[in-house]
Amino acid sequence: MPKSPRTTVIQWIRDHAHHLTTLDVHAPQTDLLPLAALVGDAQVVALGTSARQAHELSAFSHRVARFLVEEMGFRSLALEGDDPERLGLGAHIGTGQGTPRTLSPSSPPLTHRNCGSYLREHFGAGYVPIGVMFHHGMAPCPIPAPPPEFADAVLGDAGLDAFFLDLHAEGPAPVRSWLDEPGRTRMIGPAYDAADNAAYHLAGGSLSAWFDVILHARSVTPTRPLSAVSS
């Protein structure tokens, strides 16, 4: 009996996934070494997370940023956020003065638009976007599994704890269709209602148009304030 397209995609994910083995931001970066070939000679690497209050996504993003600096020679870090917060963190990174906890004043929310398409247009192959995604968990409220038509659901169905995936790896026709056809992936903002789970998504494009690499955690837990971590 022939495999369904979804089954084919799930098996392809299992076969091509690079497993992530630790959340420890100070651990050896052996599990991230295959990322070097995917970044190549890129001038800009972007990390876009589907939820900002998920510990696993933050830890993996931290590890990737550290890998890019220590192993790939990157020397600039740009953060999307309110200006007082970004400027304070920029001064901390450049001079070592202050701490992230004291250099992040509260400020009115700003409206941002996604600049990925502009970066792709300007840098071409020199721009590598990485999508940092998850299946279910707490961030910080309970977030159930995504609707089955979401890309996150298929990634989660692979049954792997955490991994990254090259979206340009060769694959059969069902895989290319899944990657190249318009789809949806979840996008959880500061306000979230589990009763309207399907409403929180990114749409209007395809996985391969949005990202070159996917980093996926099957389950997430809430982030913790720095004061709680250091106490």
C-alpha atoms as a PDB file:
ATOM      1  CA  MET A   1       0.000   0.000   0.000  1.00  0.00           C
ATOM      2  CA  PRO A   2       1.542   3.359  -1.027  1.00  0.00           C
ATOM      3  CA  LYS A   3       2.398   5.903   1.646  1.00  0.00           C
ATOM      4  CA  SER A   4       0.256   9.007   2.028  1.00  0.00           C
ATOM      5  CA  PRO A   5       1.971  12.336   1.221  1.00  0.00           C
ATOM      6  CA  ARG A   6       1.929  13.259   4.917  1.00  0.00           C
ATOM      7  CA  THR A   7       3.605   9.981   5.888  1.00  0.00           C
ATOM      8  CA  THR A   8       6.252  10.573   3.221  1.00  0.00           C
ATOM      9  CA  VAL A   9       6.964  14.048   4.580  1.00  0.00           C
ATOM     10  CA  ILE A  10       7.186  12.798   8.172  1.00  0.00           C
ATOM     11  CA  GLN A  11       9.655  10.077   7.179  1.00  0.00           C
ATOM     12  CA  TRP A  12      11.732  12.636   5.250  1.00  0.00           C
ATOM     13  CA  ILE A  13      11.870  14.839   8.350  1.00  0.00           C
ATOM     14  CA  ARG A  14      13.061  11.892  10.463  1.00  0.00           C
ATOM     15  CA  ASP A  15      15.696  10.972   7.893  1.00  0.00           C
ATOM     16  CA  HIS A  16      17.091  14.503   7.491  1.00  0.00           C
ATOM     17  CA  ALA A  17      16.736  15.943  10.991  1.00  0.00           C
ATOM     18  CA  HIS A  18      19.868  17.033  12.873  1.00  0.00           C
ATOM     19  CA  HIS A  19      19.138  16.240  16.504  1.00  0.00           C
ATOM     20  CA  LEU A  20      19.697  18.886  19.198  1.00  0.00           C
ATOM     21  CA  THR A  21      20.915  17.274  22.383  1.00  0.00           C
ATOM     22  CA  THR A  22      20.990  19.981  25.063  1.00  0.00           C
ATOM     23  CA  LEU A  23      19.412  23.243  26.220  1.00  0.00           C
ATOM     24  CA  ASP A  24      22.553  24.242  28.116  1.00  0.00           C
ATOM     25  CA  VAL A  25      23.794  27.455  26.492  1.00  0.00           C
ATOM     26  CA  HIS A  26      27.299  26.779  27.823  1.00  0.00           C
ATOM     27  CA  ALA A  27      27.500  23.179  26.588  1.00  0.00           C
ATOM     28  CA  PRO A  28      29.791  22.074  23.742  1.00  0.00           C
ATOM     29  CA  GLN A  29      28.281  22.896  20.370  1.00  0.00           C
ATOM     30  CA  THR A  30      28.881  19.545  18.705  1.00  0.00           C
ATOM     31  CA  ASP A  31      25.208  19.036  17.852  1.00  0.00           C
ATOM     32  CA  LEU A  32      25.172  22.396  16.011  1.00  0.00           C
ATOM     33  CA  LEU A  33      28.175  21.677  13.785  1.00  0.00           C
ATOM     34  CA  PRO A  34      26.053  20.666  10.739  1.00  0.00           C
ATOM     35  CA  LEU A  35      24.549  24.155  10.860  1.00  0.00           C
ATOM     36  CA  ALA A  36      27.835  25.578   9.565  1.00  0.00           C
ATOM     37  CA  ALA A  37      27.280  24.081   6.114  1.00  0.00           C
ATOM     38  CA  LEU A  38      23.730  25.468   5.996  1.00  0.00           C
ATOM     39  CA  VAL A  39      24.877  28.981   6.926  1.00  0.00           C
ATOM     40  CA  GLY A  40      27.825  28.842   4.525  1.00  0.00           C
ATOM     41  CA  ASP A  41      29.030  32.311   3.512  1.00  0.00           C
ATOM     42  CA  ALA A  42      25.862  34.097   4.625  1.00  0.00           C
ATOM     43  CA  GLN A  43      26.272  37.698   5.754  1.00  0.00           C
ATOM     44  CA  VAL A  44      23.024  37.782   7.713  1.00  0.00           C
ATOM     45  CA  VAL A  45      21.352  34.994   9.697  1.00  0.00           C
ATOM     46  CA  ALA A  46      17.884  35.695  11.089  1.00  0.00           C
ATOM     47  CA  LEU A  47      16.185  33.800  13.903  1.00  0.00           C
ATOM     48  CA  GLY A  48      12.395  34.051  13.927  1.00  0.00           C
ATOM     49  CA  THR A  49      10.575  32.371  16.814  1.00  0.00           C
ATOM     50  CA  SER A  50       6.924  31.360  16.842  1.00  0.00           C
ATOM     51  CA  ALA A  51       6.620  32.168  20.574  1.00  0.00           C
ATOM     52  CA  ARG A  52       8.809  34.492  22.615  1.00  0.00           C
ATOM     53  CA  GLN A  53       7.944  33.162  26.055  1.00  0.00           C
ATOM     54  CA  ALA A  54       9.056  29.550  25.478  1.00  0.00           C
ATOM     55  CA  HIS A  55      12.193  28.531  27.355  1.00  0.00           C
ATOM     56  CA  GLU A  56      13.330  25.898  24.847  1.00  0.00           C
ATOM     57  CA  LEU A  57      13.037  28.257  21.872  1.00  0.00           C
ATOM     58  CA  SER A  58      14.949  30.965  23.726  1.00  0.00           C
ATOM     59  CA  ALA A  59      17.675  28.538  24.795  1.00  0.00           C
ATOM     60  CA  PHE A  60      18.121  27.097  21.317  1.00  0.00           C
ATOM     61  CA  SER A  61      18.187  30.599  19.805  1.00  0.00           C
ATOM     62  CA  HIS A  62      20.845  31.552  22.374  1.00  0.00           C
ATOM     63  CA  ARG A  63      22.913  28.510  21.438  1.00  0.00           C
ATOM     64  CA  VAL A  64      22.644  29.268  17.719  1.00  0.00           C
ATOM     65  CA  ALA A  65      23.667  32.901  18.280  1.00  0.00           C
ATOM     66  CA  ARG A  66      26.653  31.746  20.326  1.00  0.00           C
ATOM     67  CA  PHE A  67      27.593  29.243  17.608  1.00  0.00           C
ATOM     68  CA  LEU A  68      27.436  31.943  14.920  1.00  0.00           C
ATOM     69  CA  VAL A  69      29.720  34.218  16.920  1.00  0.00           C
ATOM     70  CA  GLU A  70      32.210  31.653  18.195  1.00  0.00           C
ATOM     71  CA  GLU A  71      32.369  29.258  15.246  1.00  0.00           C
ATOM     72  CA  MET A  72      31.242  31.274  12.202  1.00  0.00           C
ATOM     73  CA  GLY A  73      32.831  34.646  12.909  1.00  0.00           C
ATOM     74  CA  PHE A  74      29.702  36.772  13.189  1.00  0.00           C
ATOM     75  CA  ARG A  75      30.287  40.020  15.089  1.00  0.00           C
ATOM     76  CA  SER A  76      27.004  41.971  14.969  1.00  0.00           C
ATOM     77  CA  LEU A  77      23.719  41.219  16.701  1.00  0.00           C
ATOM     78  CA  ALA A  78      20.455  42.979  15.849  1.00  0.00           C
ATOM     79  CA  LEU A  79      17.376  42.577  18.044  1.00  0.00           C
ATOM     80  CA  GLU A  80      13.821  43.435  17.101  1.00  0.00           C
ATOM     81  CA  GLY A  81      12.168  45.318  19.936  1.00  0.00           C
ATOM     82  CA  ASP A  82      11.543  48.668  21.567  1.00  0.00           C
ATOM     83  CA  ASP A  83      14.340  51.219  21.075  1.00  0.00           C
ATOM     84  CA  PRO A  84      15.230  51.773  24.785  1.00  0.00           C
ATOM     85  CA  GLU A  85      15.541  48.040  25.266  1.00  0.00           C
ATOM     86  CA  ARG A  86      17.666  47.466  22.157  1.00  0.00           C
ATOM     87  CA  LEU A  87      19.980  50.412  22.830  1.00  0.00           C
ATOM     88  CA  GLY A  88      20.565  49.330  26.415  1.00  0.00           C
ATOM     89  CA  LEU A  89      21.370  45.753  25.416  1.00  0.00           C
ATOM     90  CA  GLY A  90      23.598  47.012  22.607  1.00  0.00           C
ATOM     91  CA  ALA A  91      25.624  49.052  25.070  1.00  0.00           C
ATOM     92  CA  HIS A  92      25.894  46.041  27.378  1.00  0.00           C
ATOM     93  CA  ILE A  93      27.170  43.784  24.581  1.00  0.00           C
ATOM     94  CA  GLY A  94      29.649  46.394  23.346  1.00  0.00           C
ATOM     95  CA  THR A  95      31.026  47.603  26.682  1.00  0.00           C
ATOM     96  CA  GLY A  96      30.078  44.994  29.264  1.00  0.00           C
ATOM     97  CA  GLN A  97      28.506  47.694  31.424  1.00  0.00           C
ATOM     98  CA  GLY A  98      25.260  47.000  33.265  1.00  0.00           C
ATOM     99  CA  THR A  99      23.204  43.829  33.051  1.00  0.00           C
ATOM    100  CA  PRO A 100      20.354  42.745  30.757  1.00  0.00           C
ATOM    101  CA  ARG A 101      18.057  42.847  33.786  1.00  0.00           C
ATOM    102  CA  THR A 102      18.664  46.566  34.440  1.00  0.00           C
ATOM    103  CA  LEU A 103      19.065  47.675  30.814  1.00  0.00           C
ATOM    104  CA  SER A 104      15.571  46.668  29.687  1.00  0.00           C
ATOM    105  CA  PRO A 105      13.230  49.482  30.785  1.00  0.00           C
ATOM    106  CA  SER A 106       9.551  49.186  30.116  1.00  0.00           C
ATOM    107  CA  SER A 107       8.334  51.228  27.134  1.00  0.00           C
ATOM    108  CA  PRO A 108       5.176  51.577  25.071  1.00  0.00           C
ATOM    109  CA  PRO A 109       4.615  48.793  22.544  1.00  0.00           C
ATOM    110  CA  LEU A 110       5.598  49.552  18.965  1.00  0.00           C
ATOM    111  CA  THR A 111       4.242  48.130  15.748  1.00  0.00           C
ATOM    112  CA  HIS A 112       6.837  46.284  13.668  1.00  0.00           C
ATOM    113  CA  ARG A 113       6.636  44.789  10.228  1.00  0.00           C
ATOM    114  CA  ASN A 114       8.568  41.751   9.096  1.00  0.00           C
ATOM    115  CA  CYS A 115      11.785  42.784   7.358  1.00  0.00           C
ATOM    116  CA  GLY A 116      12.748  39.312   6.145  1.00  0.00           C
ATOM    117  CA  SER A 117      11.598  39.901   2.586  1.00  0.00           C
ATOM    118  CA  TYR A 118      13.684  43.089   2.386  1.00  0.00           C
ATOM    119  CA  LEU A 119      16.744  41.301   3.710  1.00  0.00           C
ATOM    120  CA  ARG A 120      16.238  38.484   1.191  1.00  0.00           C
ATOM    121  CA  GLU A 121      15.896  40.991  -1.618  1.00  0.00           C
ATOM    122  CA  HIS A 122      19.031  42.883  -0.590  1.00  0.00           C
ATOM    123  CA  PHE A 123      21.359  40.032   0.388  1.00  0.00           C
ATOM    124  CA  GLY A 124      20.012  37.192  -1.762  1.00  0.00           C
ATOM    125  CA  ALA A 125      21.852  33.979  -0.918  1.00  0.00           C
ATOM    126  CA  GLY A 126      23.762  35.938   1.726  1.00  0.00           C
ATOM    127  CA  TYR A 127      20.659  35.909   3.927  1.00  0.00           C
ATOM    128  CA  VAL A 128      19.721  32.740   5.841  1.00  0.00           C
ATOM    129  CA  PRO A 129      16.465  32.825   7.849  1.00  0.00           C
ATOM    130  CA  ILE A 130      15.950  30.197  10.555  1.00  0.00           C
ATOM    131  CA  GLY A 131      12.447  29.495  11.834  1.00  0.00           C
ATOM    132  CA  VAL A 132      12.332  28.473  15.511  1.00  0.00           C
ATOM    133  CA  MET A 133       9.113  26.542  16.050  1.00  0.00           C
ATOM    134  CA  PHE A 134       7.333  24.171  18.435  1.00  0.00           C
ATOM    135  CA  HIS A 135       4.405  21.756  18.630  1.00  0.00           C
ATOM    136  CA  HIS A 136       2.789  22.231  22.059  1.00  0.00           C
ATOM    137  CA  GLY A 137       3.488  23.170  25.654  1.00  0.00           C
ATOM    138  CA  MET A 138       3.421  26.153  28.008  1.00  0.00           C
ATOM    139  CA  ALA A 139       4.497  29.627  26.833  1.00  0.00           C
ATOM    140  CA  PRO A 140       3.512  30.707  29.469  1.00  0.00           C
ATOM    141  CA  CYS A 141      -0.125  29.571  29.197  1.00  0.00           C
ATOM    142  CA  PRO A 142      -1.080  26.094  27.932  1.00  0.00           C
ATOM    143  CA  ILE A 143      -0.796  25.848  24.144  1.00  0.00           C
ATOM    144  CA  PRO A 144      -2.311  22.712  22.596  1.00  0.00           C
ATOM    145  CA  ALA A 145      -1.124  20.943  19.464  1.00  0.00           C
ATOM    146  CA  PRO A 146      -1.549  23.000  16.279  1.00  0.00           C
ATOM    147  CA  PRO A 147      -4.296  22.226  13.761  1.00  0.00           C
ATOM    148  CA  PRO A 148      -3.297  19.273  11.547  1.00  0.00           C
ATOM    149  CA  GLU A 149      -2.922  21.457   8.443  1.00  0.00           C
ATOM    150  CA  PHE A 150      -0.239  23.603  10.105  1.00  0.00           C
ATOM    151  CA  ALA A 151       3.402  22.858   9.255  1.00  0.00           C
ATOM    152  CA  ASP A 152       4.114  22.696  12.985  1.00  0.00           C
ATOM    153  CA  ALA A 153       1.757  19.705  13.277  1.00  0.00           C
ATOM    154  CA  VAL A 154       3.662  17.746  10.643  1.00  0.00           C
ATOM    155  CA  LEU A 155       7.006  18.595  12.266  1.00  0.00           C
ATOM    156  CA  GLY A 156       5.643  17.452  15.615  1.00  0.00           C
ATOM    157  CA  ASP A 157       4.305  14.216  14.140  1.00  0.00           C
ATOM    158  CA  ALA A 158       7.917  13.210  13.430  1.00  0.00           C
ATOM    159  CA  GLY A 159       8.083  12.480  17.165  1.00  0.00           C
ATOM    160  CA  LEU A 160      11.519  14.042  17.703  1.00  0.00           C
ATOM    161  CA  ASP A 161      12.282  16.065  20.826  1.00  0.00           C
ATOM    162  CA  ALA A 162      14.347  18.803  19.175  1.00  0.00           C
ATOM    163  CA  PHE A 163      16.094  19.143  15.836  1.00  0.00           C
ATOM    164  CA  PHE A 164      16.971  21.431  12.963  1.00  0.00           C
ATOM    165  CA  LEU A 165      16.179  20.729   9.338  1.00  0.00           C
ATOM    166  CA  ASP A 166      17.573  21.945   6.014  1.00  0.00           C
ATOM    167  CA  LEU A 167      14.550  22.914   3.922  1.00  0.00           C
ATOM    168  CA  HIS A 168      16.637  22.720   0.741  1.00  0.00           C
ATOM    169  CA  ALA A 169      17.601  19.078   1.205  1.00  0.00           C
ATOM    170  CA  GLU A 170      16.521  16.838  -1.648  1.00  0.00           C
ATOM    171  CA  GLY A 171      13.197  15.097  -1.223  1.00  0.00           C
ATOM    172  CA  PRO A 172      10.423  13.387  -3.198  1.00  0.00           C
ATOM    173  CA  ALA A 173       7.526  15.261  -4.779  1.00  0.00           C
ATOM    174  CA  PRO A 174       5.252  15.233  -1.677  1.00  0.00           C
ATOM    175  CA  VAL A 175       8.035  16.851   0.340  1.00  0.00           C
ATOM    176  CA  ARG A 176       8.637  19.583  -2.225  1.00  0.00           C
ATOM    177  CA  SER A 177       4.906  20.263  -2.377  1.00  0.00           C
ATOM    178  CA  TRP A 178       4.709  20.540   1.406  1.00  0.00           C
ATOM    179  CA  LEU A 179       7.662  22.939   1.473  1.00  0.00           C
ATOM    180  CA  ASP A 180       6.837  25.043  -1.594  1.00  0.00           C
ATOM    181  CA  GLU A 181       3.057  25.366  -1.552  1.00  0.00           C
ATOM    182  CA  PRO A 182       1.304  28.066   0.529  1.00  0.00           C
ATOM    183  CA  GLY A 183       0.890  26.945   4.109  1.00  0.00           C
ATOM    184  CA  ARG A 184       0.473  28.049   7.697  1.00  0.00           C
ATOM    185  CA  THR A 185       2.690  27.975  10.740  1.00  0.00           C
ATOM    186  CA  ARG A 186       1.760  29.097  14.218  1.00  0.00           C
ATOM    187  CA  MET A 187       2.659  32.535  15.552  1.00  0.00           C
ATOM    188  CA  ILE A 188       1.948  33.125  19.253  1.00  0.00           C
ATOM    189  CA  GLY A 189       2.032  36.731  20.439  1.00  0.00           C
ATOM    190  CA  PRO A 190       1.794  38.189  23.948  1.00  0.00           C
ATOM    191  CA  ALA A 191      -1.982  37.600  23.958  1.00  0.00           C
ATOM    192  CA  TYR A 192      -3.247  34.100  23.207  1.00  0.00           C
ATOM    193  CA  ASP A 193      -6.598  32.309  23.509  1.00  0.00           C
ATOM    194  CA  ALA A 194      -6.391  28.507  23.314  1.00  0.00           C
ATOM    195  CA  ALA A 195     -10.076  28.385  22.337  1.00  0.00           C
ATOM    196  CA  ASP A 196      -9.111  30.158  19.108  1.00  0.00           C
ATOM    197  CA  ASN A 197      -5.877  28.231  18.571  1.00  0.00           C
ATOM    198  CA  ALA A 198      -6.037  28.187  14.756  1.00  0.00           C
ATOM    199  CA  ALA A 199      -6.230  31.987  14.570  1.00  0.00           C
ATOM    200  CA  TYR A 200      -2.624  32.439  15.681  1.00  0.00           C
ATOM    201  CA  HIS A 201      -0.635  31.755  12.556  1.00  0.00           C
ATOM    202  CA  LEU A 202       1.611  33.065   9.818  1.00  0.00           C
ATOM    203  CA  ALA A 203       0.173  32.696   6.330  1.00  0.00           C
ATOM    204  CA  GLY A 204       0.557  34.069   2.816  1.00  0.00           C
ATOM    205  CA  GLY A 205       3.688  32.147   1.877  1.00  0.00           C
ATOM    206  CA  SER A 206       5.419  28.776   2.052  1.00  0.00           C
ATOM    207  CA  LEU A 207       7.931  27.229   4.442  1.00  0.00           C
ATOM    208  CA  SER A 208      10.695  27.326   1.833  1.00  0.00           C
ATOM    209  CA  ALA A 209       9.944  30.986   1.046  1.00  0.00           C
ATOM    210  CA  TRP A 210       9.959  32.009   4.705  1.00  0.00           C
ATOM    211  CA  PHE A 211      12.901  29.955   5.933  1.00  0.00           C
ATOM    212  CA  ASP A 212      16.026  28.101   4.832  1.00  0.00           C
ATOM    213  CA  VAL A 213      16.287  26.148   8.082  1.00  0.00           C
ATOM    214  CA  ILE A 214      13.715  25.073  10.673  1.00  0.00           C
ATOM    215  CA  LEU A 215      14.612  24.507  14.320  1.00  0.00           C
ATOM    216  CA  HIS A 216      11.823  22.629  16.074  1.00  0.00           C
ATOM    217  CA  ALA A 217      11.087  21.662  19.680  1.00  0.00           C
ATOM    218  CA  ARG A 218       8.229  19.246  20.202  1.00  0.00           C
ATOM    219  CA  SER A 219       7.349  20.520  23.691  1.00  0.00           C
ATOM    220  CA  VAL A 220       8.098  23.833  25.404  1.00  0.00           C
ATOM    221  CA  THR A 221       7.976  25.254  28.923  1.00  0.00           C
ATOM    222  CA  PRO A 222       7.680  28.898  30.070  1.00  0.00           C
ATOM    223  CA  THR A 223      10.622  31.252  30.181  1.00  0.00           C
ATOM    224  CA  ARG A 224      11.687  32.430  33.617  1.00  0.00           C
ATOM    225  CA  PRO A 225      12.733  35.946  34.726  1.00  0.00           C
ATOM    226  CA  LEU A 226      16.477  36.449  35.115  1.00  0.00           C
ATOM    227  CA  SER A 227      15.939  37.116  38.824  1.00  0.00           C
ATOM    228  CA  ALA A 228      14.383  33.677  39.235  1.00  0.00           C
ATOM    229  CA  VAL A 229      17.211  31.987  37.339  1.00  0.00           C
ATOM    230  CA  SER A 230      19.981  33.690  39.295  1.00  0.00           C
ATOM    231  CA  SER A 231      18.423  33.295  42.739  1.00  0.00           C
END
